[in-house]
Amino acid sequence: MTELKAVAAGWSVKKQVVGKTVYNEKMEKIGTVEDIIVTPERSVSYAIVGAAARQV
């Protein structure tokens, strides 16, 4: 029951984060956010970024 209340009070970041473009410090597109990893303590610890191969 506690878990259900936490889910109901929380929010989804899927639409705000997943699929968004990721840039490097030179503002070059390096990929998109593919997934978010949440620890058992319920904190976000990693973002999985799908990076495209860069042609030179």
Protein backbone atom coordinates (compact mmCIF):
# COMPACT_ATOMS: atom_id res chain seq x y z
CA MET A 1 0.00 0.00 0.00
CA THR A 2 2.86 2.38 0.79
CA GLU A 3 4.38 1.76 -2.66
CA LEU A 4 1.07 2.53 -4.36
CA LYS A 5 0.76 5.82 -2.47
CA ALA A 6 4.31 6.77 -3.48
CA VAL A 7 3.54 6.04 -7.14
CA ALA A 8 0.32 8.04 -6.99
CA ALA A 9 2.12 11.00 -5.39
CA GLY A 10 5.11 10.82 -7.72
CA TRP A 11 5.45 11.73 -11.36
CA SER A 12 6.75 10.20 -14.55
CA VAL A 13 9.77 11.75 -16.21
CA LYS A 14 9.38 9.63 -19.31
CA LYS A 15 7.91 12.41 -21.45
CA GLN A 16 10.27 15.07 -20.06
CA VAL A 17 13.55 13.10 -20.26
CA VAL A 18 13.43 9.90 -22.33
CA GLY A 19 14.04 10.65 -26.00
CA LYS A 20 15.58 14.06 -25.37
CA THR A 21 18.77 15.06 -27.15
CA VAL A 22 22.06 14.97 -25.24
CA TYR A 23 24.82 17.46 -26.11
CA ASN A 24 28.50 17.59 -25.20
CA GLU A 25 30.32 20.65 -23.86
CA LYS A 26 30.75 21.95 -27.46
CA MET A 27 26.95 21.79 -27.93
CA GLU A 28 27.32 18.96 -30.45
CA LYS A 29 24.54 16.38 -30.46
CA ILE A 30 25.91 13.09 -29.12
CA GLY A 31 22.74 11.03 -28.77
CA THR A 32 19.41 10.72 -26.98
CA VAL A 33 18.32 9.55 -23.54
CA GLU A 34 17.17 5.94 -23.93
CA ASP A 35 16.46 5.02 -20.30
CA ILE A 36 16.79 6.14 -16.68
CA ILE A 37 18.13 3.77 -14.01
CA VAL A 38 16.68 4.14 -10.51
CA THR A 39 18.40 2.61 -7.49
CA PRO A 40 16.57 0.55 -4.86
CA GLU A 41 16.74 3.68 -2.67
CA ARG A 42 14.63 5.40 -5.37
CA SER A 43 17.21 7.86 -6.59
CA VAL A 44 18.18 8.28 -10.22
CA SER A 45 21.73 7.08 -10.62
CA TYR A 46 22.26 6.69 -14.36
CA ALA A 47 20.89 7.84 -17.69
CA ILE A 48 21.41 5.49 -20.61
CA VAL A 49 22.34 7.51 -23.70
CA GLY A 50 22.11 6.05 -27.18
CA ALA A 51 25.02 7.60 -29.06
CA ALA A 52 25.20 7.74 -32.83
CA ALA A 53 28.44 6.88 -34.58
CA ARG A 54 30.27 10.01 -35.59
CA GLN A 55 31.73 10.24 -39.08
CA VAL A 56 34.96 12.12 -39.58
